Amino acid sequence: MRIDADLRGMKDVAATLAAELTRNYVPRLHRIDADLVTPAGGASFPELLRFLERHRESQQVATALLAEHGDATGALAHAADLIATRYGDADGLAAARARDVERILR
């Protein structure tokens, strides 16, 4: 079975994902909570209080999902880099062994 992989492309994807997280995603993550903050409701308006409670719950879920997305994207970038590195080393080792066999057979 033959496996073809663009190792340079995989390394580039890993580096691009990691850079995107560092430069754009992580710095903006803290602003989300601030952007979602709503004013406190009055006790005389129970519907507004209920809405604000649900809004806070939704905000917590959204914030948790965004954090998980960042973590997963970072893990994907790390995995792509690790696979490219290990596959490249394995490919180099296989090529070295193939050259050794060819040299011995000549």
Protein backbone atom coordinates (compact mmCIF):
# COMPACT_ATOMS: atom_id res chain seq x y z
CA MET A 1 0.00 0.00 0.00
CA ARG A 2 1.37 3.40 -0.99
CA ILE A 3 0.78 6.55 1.01
CA ASP A 4 1.37 9.90 -0.65
CA ALA A 5 1.53 12.95 1.56
CA ASP A 6 2.51 16.53 0.91
CA LEU A 7 4.72 16.95 3.96
CA ARG A 8 5.65 20.57 3.20
CA GLY A 9 1.95 21.37 2.72
CA MET A 10 1.09 19.64 5.99
CA LYS A 11 3.79 21.62 7.81
CA ASP A 12 2.49 24.82 6.19
CA VAL A 13 -1.07 24.08 7.30
CA ALA A 14 0.13 23.40 10.84
CA ALA A 15 2.13 26.64 10.95
CA THR A 16 -0.74 28.65 9.45
CA LEU A 17 -3.28 27.27 11.93
CA ALA A 18 -0.99 27.93 14.87
CA ALA A 19 -0.23 31.47 13.68
CA GLU A 20 -3.92 32.21 13.09
CA LEU A 21 -4.75 31.09 16.61
CA THR A 22 -1.96 33.16 18.13
CA ARG A 23 -2.44 36.33 16.10
CA ASN A 24 -6.19 36.51 15.56
CA TYR A 25 -8.24 34.03 17.57
CA VAL A 26 -6.79 34.11 21.07
CA PRO A 27 -6.44 37.91 21.36
CA ARG A 28 -10.10 38.40 20.44
CA LEU A 29 -11.48 35.64 22.63
CA HIS A 30 -11.57 37.75 25.80
CA ARG A 31 -13.59 40.46 24.06
CA ILE A 32 -16.51 38.12 23.42
CA ASP A 33 -17.65 38.11 27.04
CA ALA A 34 -17.42 41.88 27.19
CA ASP A 35 -19.41 42.23 23.97
CA LEU A 36 -22.17 39.95 25.26
CA VAL A 37 -22.65 41.67 28.61
CA THR A 38 -26.18 42.94 29.11
CA PRO A 39 -27.46 45.39 31.69
CA ALA A 40 -29.16 44.09 34.82
CA GLY A 41 -32.92 43.92 34.60
CA GLY A 42 -35.41 45.37 37.01
CA ALA A 43 -37.20 43.11 39.47
CA SER A 44 -40.50 44.56 38.29
CA PHE A 45 -40.03 43.05 34.84
CA PRO A 46 -39.89 39.24 35.31
CA GLU A 47 -39.85 38.49 31.59
CA LEU A 48 -36.70 40.58 31.18
CA LEU A 49 -35.10 38.83 34.15
CA ARG A 50 -35.86 35.43 32.61
CA PHE A 51 -34.46 36.59 29.28
CA LEU A 52 -31.27 37.84 30.93
CA GLU A 53 -30.83 34.53 32.77
CA ARG A 54 -31.13 32.60 29.49
CA HIS A 55 -28.83 35.09 27.81
CA ARG A 56 -26.16 34.53 30.49
CA GLU A 57 -26.53 30.75 30.10
CA SER A 58 -26.14 31.07 26.33
CA GLN A 59 -23.13 33.31 26.82
CA GLN A 60 -21.46 30.71 29.04
CA VAL A 61 -22.13 27.95 26.52
CA ALA A 62 -20.87 30.08 23.62
CA THR A 63 -17.72 31.03 25.51
CA ALA A 64 -17.03 27.39 26.42
CA LEU A 65 -17.55 26.26 22.81
CA LEU A 66 -15.25 28.97 21.50
CA ALA A 67 -12.56 27.94 23.96
CA GLU A 68 -12.95 24.31 22.94
CA HIS A 69 -12.75 25.32 19.28
CA GLY A 70 -9.46 27.11 19.96
CA ASP A 71 -8.09 24.13 21.87
CA ALA A 72 -9.12 21.70 19.13
CA THR A 73 -7.64 23.89 16.40
CA GLY A 74 -4.38 24.08 18.33
CA ALA A 75 -4.39 20.30 18.74
CA LEU A 76 -5.03 19.87 15.01
CA ALA A 77 -2.11 22.17 14.17
CA HIS A 78 0.15 20.23 16.55
CA ALA A 79 -0.99 16.88 15.13
CA ALA A 80 -0.38 17.98 11.53
CA ASP A 81 3.11 19.16 12.43
CA LEU A 82 3.88 15.99 14.36
CA ILE A 83 2.61 13.73 11.56
CA ALA A 84 4.60 15.63 8.93
CA THR A 85 7.74 15.43 11.06
CA ARG A 86 7.38 11.75 11.89
CA TYR A 87 6.35 10.77 8.36
CA GLY A 88 9.26 12.75 6.93
CA ASP A 89 11.68 11.01 9.27
CA ALA A 90 10.22 7.61 8.40
CA ASP A 91 10.37 8.40 4.67
CA GLY A 92 13.99 9.51 5.00
CA LEU A 93 14.88 6.36 6.91
CA ALA A 94 13.13 4.18 4.31
CA ALA A 95 14.98 5.97 1.50
CA ALA A 96 18.29 5.52 3.31
CA ARG A 97 17.65 1.81 3.73
CA ALA A 98 16.62 1.48 0.08
CA ARG A 99 19.90 3.18 -0.99
CA ASP A 100 21.84 0.80 1.26
CA VAL A 101 20.13 -2.22 -0.34
CA GLU A 102 20.80 -0.87 -3.85
CA ARG A 103 24.44 -0.21 -3.02
CA ILE A 104 24.88 -3.71 -1.61
CA LEU A 105 23.21 -5.34 -4.63
CA ARG A 106 25.53 -3.58 -7.14
